[in-house]
Amino acid sequence: MPKKPATAELPFARSQYPTLEDYIDAVRKLLQTRKELSAKWIEELIAGDEIYLSNCFEKQEHPAAAAFEIFITEEESAREPVPADSRLKVDVSEQGKMHLKRLVELGLWGDSVEAVAKALVEQSLAAKLESGLLRTSNPK
């Protein structure tokens, strides 16, 4: 039976760097392989993740794992945030849905139940605001 190779010989085995500086240099070299990261930006990433890198060094994690985590975290932070859904959800009874469907058939307020409901809510709010039934500020 062939002998298994020692884990230190595997490409992503635990780190064997004598000092934190050597470990950070190895991470730096790995990040430099990414063409979209400038040297200045790599130094900022390393400085910003100094505590994380020292923890990785203490745990003897491979520098490729640390570089990957830093790079992925940077990629995620550069993404556009997903816009918040500002729509309101309104539940209506079955009778209310039937009335809305009849209004859709008329075609005066919209071509879907959602469009008709939106138009009616907006018209109702506008009428109540104009008549003074709803206040937009606190009385003093």
C-alpha atoms as a PDB file:
ATOM      1  CA  MET A   1       0.000   0.000   0.000  1.00  0.00           C
ATOM      2  CA  PRO A   2       1.504   3.361  -1.013  1.00  0.00           C
ATOM      3  CA  LYS A   3       2.290   5.820   1.711  1.00  0.00           C
ATOM      4  CA  LYS A   4       0.146   8.974   1.809  1.00  0.00           C
ATOM      5  CA  PRO A   5       2.028  12.240   1.224  1.00  0.00           C
ATOM      6  CA  ALA A   6       2.544  14.410   4.272  1.00  0.00           C
ATOM      7  CA  THR A   7       0.059  17.271   4.520  1.00  0.00           C
ATOM      8  CA  ALA A   8       2.909  19.823   4.512  1.00  0.00           C
ATOM      9  CA  GLU A   9       3.621  18.827   0.909  1.00  0.00           C
ATOM     10  CA  LEU A  10       0.084  19.599  -0.251  1.00  0.00           C
ATOM     11  CA  PRO A  11      -0.449  23.021  -1.882  1.00  0.00           C
ATOM     12  CA  PHE A  12      -2.925  24.325   0.736  1.00  0.00           C
ATOM     13  CA  ALA A  13      -1.539  22.675   3.818  1.00  0.00           C
ATOM     14  CA  ARG A  14      -1.089  24.607   7.038  1.00  0.00           C
ATOM     15  CA  SER A  15       1.287  27.556   6.970  1.00  0.00           C
ATOM     16  CA  GLN A  16       4.901  27.139   8.035  1.00  0.00           C
ATOM     17  CA  TYR A  17       5.994  30.795   8.079  1.00  0.00           C
ATOM     18  CA  PRO A  18       8.385  31.745  10.905  1.00  0.00           C
ATOM     19  CA  THR A  19       7.162  35.340  11.398  1.00  0.00           C
ATOM     20  CA  LEU A  20       4.022  37.350  10.833  1.00  0.00           C
ATOM     21  CA  GLU A  21       5.919  39.552   8.360  1.00  0.00           C
ATOM     22  CA  ASP A  22       6.837  36.508   6.258  1.00  0.00           C
ATOM     23  CA  TYR A  23       3.224  35.394   6.332  1.00  0.00           C
ATOM     24  CA  ILE A  24       1.962  38.842   5.266  1.00  0.00           C
ATOM     25  CA  ASP A  25       4.553  38.941   2.463  1.00  0.00           C
ATOM     26  CA  ALA A  26       3.196  35.637   1.178  1.00  0.00           C
ATOM     27  CA  VAL A  27      -0.368  37.017   1.273  1.00  0.00           C
ATOM     28  CA  ARG A  28       0.825  40.186  -0.502  1.00  0.00           C
ATOM     29  CA  LYS A  29       2.439  38.117  -3.291  1.00  0.00           C
ATOM     30  CA  LEU A  30      -0.766  36.172  -3.774  1.00  0.00           C
ATOM     31  CA  LEU A  31      -2.864  39.354  -3.952  1.00  0.00           C
ATOM     32  CA  GLN A  32      -0.433  40.830  -6.481  1.00  0.00           C
ATOM     33  CA  THR A  33      -1.429  38.106  -8.929  1.00  0.00           C
ATOM     34  CA  ARG A  34      -4.831  39.822  -9.216  1.00  0.00           C
ATOM     35  CA  LYS A  35      -4.421  42.369 -12.005  1.00  0.00           C
ATOM     36  CA  GLU A  36      -7.390  44.478 -10.877  1.00  0.00           C
ATOM     37  CA  LEU A  37      -5.710  45.270  -7.534  1.00  0.00           C
ATOM     38  CA  SER A  38      -3.097  48.019  -7.566  1.00  0.00           C
ATOM     39  CA  ALA A  39      -0.079  47.836  -5.245  1.00  0.00           C
ATOM     40  CA  LYS A  40      -1.406  50.751  -3.199  1.00  0.00           C
ATOM     41  CA  TRP A  41      -4.809  49.102  -2.840  1.00  0.00           C
ATOM     42  CA  ILE A  42      -3.199  45.805  -1.775  1.00  0.00           C
ATOM     43  CA  GLU A  43      -1.316  47.633   0.983  1.00  0.00           C
ATOM     44  CA  GLU A  44      -4.563  49.262   2.145  1.00  0.00           C
ATOM     45  CA  LEU A  45      -6.308  45.888   2.191  1.00  0.00           C
ATOM     46  CA  ILE A  46      -3.501  44.327   4.208  1.00  0.00           C
ATOM     47  CA  ALA A  47      -3.425  47.244   6.642  1.00  0.00           C
ATOM     48  CA  GLY A  48      -7.210  47.083   7.057  1.00  0.00           C
ATOM     49  CA  ASP A  49      -7.128  43.338   7.691  1.00  0.00           C
ATOM     50  CA  GLU A  50      -4.073  43.300   9.953  1.00  0.00           C
ATOM     51  CA  ILE A  51      -5.928  41.724  12.879  1.00  0.00           C
ATOM     52  CA  TYR A  52      -7.470  39.085  10.622  1.00  0.00           C
ATOM     53  CA  LEU A  53      -4.060  38.257   9.138  1.00  0.00           C
ATOM     54  CA  SER A  54      -2.432  37.945  12.549  1.00  0.00           C
ATOM     55  CA  ASN A  55      -5.227  35.562  13.616  1.00  0.00           C
ATOM     56  CA  CYS A  56      -4.666  33.507  10.462  1.00  0.00           C
ATOM     57  CA  PHE A  57      -0.930  33.416  11.184  1.00  0.00           C
ATOM     58  CA  GLU A  58      -1.548  32.242  14.761  1.00  0.00           C
ATOM     59  CA  LYS A  59      -3.885  29.519  13.522  1.00  0.00           C
ATOM     60  CA  GLN A  60      -1.277  28.590  10.901  1.00  0.00           C
ATOM     61  CA  GLU A  61      -3.730  28.949   8.034  1.00  0.00           C
ATOM     62  CA  HIS A  62      -2.309  28.913   4.549  1.00  0.00           C
ATOM     63  CA  PRO A  63      -1.701  32.409   3.107  1.00  0.00           C
ATOM     64  CA  ALA A  64      -3.777  31.500   0.041  1.00  0.00           C
ATOM     65  CA  ALA A  65      -6.830  31.087   2.274  1.00  0.00           C
ATOM     66  CA  ALA A  66      -6.230  34.477   3.893  1.00  0.00           C
ATOM     67  CA  ALA A  67      -5.609  36.187   0.528  1.00  0.00           C
ATOM     68  CA  PHE A  68      -8.746  34.615  -0.886  1.00  0.00           C
ATOM     69  CA  GLU A  69     -10.834  35.810   2.069  1.00  0.00           C
ATOM     70  CA  ILE A  70      -9.456  39.357   1.792  1.00  0.00           C
ATOM     71  CA  PHE A  71     -10.072  39.431  -1.956  1.00  0.00           C
ATOM     72  CA  ILE A  72     -13.614  38.015  -1.721  1.00  0.00           C
ATOM     73  CA  THR A  73     -14.515  40.433   1.089  1.00  0.00           C
ATOM     74  CA  GLU A  74     -13.280  43.312  -1.080  1.00  0.00           C
ATOM     75  CA  GLU A  75     -15.278  42.039  -4.066  1.00  0.00           C
ATOM     76  CA  GLU A  76     -18.441  41.791  -1.959  1.00  0.00           C
ATOM     77  CA  SER A  77     -18.055  45.296  -0.572  1.00  0.00           C
ATOM     78  CA  ALA A  78     -17.665  46.706  -4.094  1.00  0.00           C
ATOM     79  CA  ARG A  79     -21.010  45.300  -5.234  1.00  0.00           C
ATOM     80  CA  GLU A  80     -23.996  47.561  -5.699  1.00  0.00           C
ATOM     81  CA  PRO A  81     -26.397  47.206  -2.804  1.00  0.00           C
ATOM     82  CA  VAL A  82     -29.759  45.643  -3.567  1.00  0.00           C
ATOM     83  CA  PRO A  83     -32.348  48.415  -3.499  1.00  0.00           C
ATOM     84  CA  ALA A  84     -34.825  48.136  -0.674  1.00  0.00           C
ATOM     85  CA  ASP A  85     -38.356  47.162  -1.622  1.00  0.00           C
ATOM     86  CA  SER A  86     -40.489  50.148  -0.666  1.00  0.00           C
ATOM     87  CA  ARG A  87     -43.778  48.659  -1.803  1.00  0.00           C
ATOM     88  CA  LEU A  88     -46.627  48.233   0.653  1.00  0.00           C
ATOM     89  CA  LYS A  89     -48.438  44.939   0.908  1.00  0.00           C
ATOM     90  CA  VAL A  90     -52.180  45.255   1.309  1.00  0.00           C
ATOM     91  CA  ASP A  91     -54.391  42.261   2.013  1.00  0.00           C
ATOM     92  CA  VAL A  92     -58.016  42.517   0.926  1.00  0.00           C
ATOM     93  CA  SER A  93     -60.944  40.193   1.393  1.00  0.00           C
ATOM     94  CA  GLU A  94     -62.328  38.017  -1.385  1.00  0.00           C
ATOM     95  CA  GLN A  95     -65.171  40.504  -1.795  1.00  0.00           C
ATOM     96  CA  GLY A  96     -62.636  43.311  -2.154  1.00  0.00           C
ATOM     97  CA  LYS A  97     -60.721  41.328  -4.794  1.00  0.00           C
ATOM     98  CA  MET A  98     -63.951  40.816  -6.771  1.00  0.00           C
ATOM     99  CA  HIS A  99     -64.616  44.576  -6.713  1.00  0.00           C
ATOM    100  CA  LEU A 100     -61.056  45.276  -7.861  1.00  0.00           C
ATOM    101  CA  LYS A 101     -61.421  42.764 -10.712  1.00  0.00           C
ATOM    102  CA  ARG A 102     -64.593  44.509 -11.870  1.00  0.00           C
ATOM    103  CA  LEU A 103     -62.757  47.839 -11.818  1.00  0.00           C
ATOM    104  CA  VAL A 104     -59.964  46.296 -13.921  1.00  0.00           C
ATOM    105  CA  GLU A 105     -62.598  45.296 -16.494  1.00  0.00           C
ATOM    106  CA  LEU A 106     -63.730  48.937 -16.659  1.00  0.00           C
ATOM    107  CA  GLY A 107     -60.163  49.977 -17.422  1.00  0.00           C
ATOM    108  CA  LEU A 108     -60.419  53.411 -15.772  1.00  0.00           C
ATOM    109  CA  TRP A 109     -57.872  52.942 -12.978  1.00  0.00           C
ATOM    110  CA  GLY A 110     -55.446  50.409 -14.403  1.00  0.00           C
ATOM    111  CA  ASP A 111     -55.002  47.164 -16.272  1.00  0.00           C
ATOM    112  CA  SER A 112     -54.291  44.914 -13.264  1.00  0.00           C
ATOM    113  CA  VAL A 113     -55.641  44.405  -9.768  1.00  0.00           C
ATOM    114  CA  GLU A 114     -52.403  45.827  -8.342  1.00  0.00           C
ATOM    115  CA  ALA A 115     -52.529  48.951 -10.534  1.00  0.00           C
ATOM    116  CA  VAL A 116     -56.183  49.605  -9.636  1.00  0.00           C
ATOM    117  CA  ALA A 117     -55.518  49.144  -5.922  1.00  0.00           C
ATOM    118  CA  LYS A 118     -52.524  51.486  -6.124  1.00  0.00           C
ATOM    119  CA  ALA A 119     -54.520  54.167  -7.935  1.00  0.00           C
ATOM    120  CA  LEU A 120     -57.400  53.940  -5.444  1.00  0.00           C
ATOM    121  CA  VAL A 121     -55.109  54.128  -2.409  1.00  0.00           C
ATOM    122  CA  GLU A 122     -53.250  57.126  -3.864  1.00  0.00           C
ATOM    123  CA  GLN A 123     -56.535  58.931  -4.717  1.00  0.00           C
ATOM    124  CA  SER A 124     -57.962  58.213  -1.274  1.00  0.00           C
ATOM    125  CA  LEU A 125     -54.848  59.512   0.497  1.00  0.00           C
ATOM    126  CA  ALA A 126     -54.716  62.628  -1.670  1.00  0.00           C
ATOM    127  CA  ALA A 127     -58.390  63.410  -1.006  1.00  0.00           C
ATOM    128  CA  LYS A 128     -57.989  62.956   2.749  1.00  0.00           C
ATOM    129  CA  LEU A 129     -54.856  65.105   2.841  1.00  0.00           C
ATOM    130  CA  GLU A 130     -56.566  67.888   0.849  1.00  0.00           C
ATOM    131  CA  SER A 131     -59.647  67.834   3.079  1.00  0.00           C
ATOM    132  CA  GLY A 132     -57.573  67.963   6.253  1.00  0.00           C
ATOM    133  CA  LEU A 133     -58.647  64.560   7.535  1.00  0.00           C
ATOM    134  CA  LEU A 134     -55.017  63.408   7.572  1.00  0.00           C
ATOM    135  CA  ARG A 135     -52.205  65.459   9.035  1.00  0.00           C
ATOM    136  CA  THR A 136     -48.629  65.312   7.797  1.00  0.00           C
ATOM    137  CA  SER A 137     -47.188  67.054  10.861  1.00  0.00           C
ATOM    138  CA  ASN A 138     -47.684  66.852  14.616  1.00  0.00           C
ATOM    139  CA  PRO A 139     -49.879  69.528  16.207  1.00  0.00           C
ATOM    140  CA  LYS A 140     -48.079  71.690  18.751  1.00  0.00           C
END
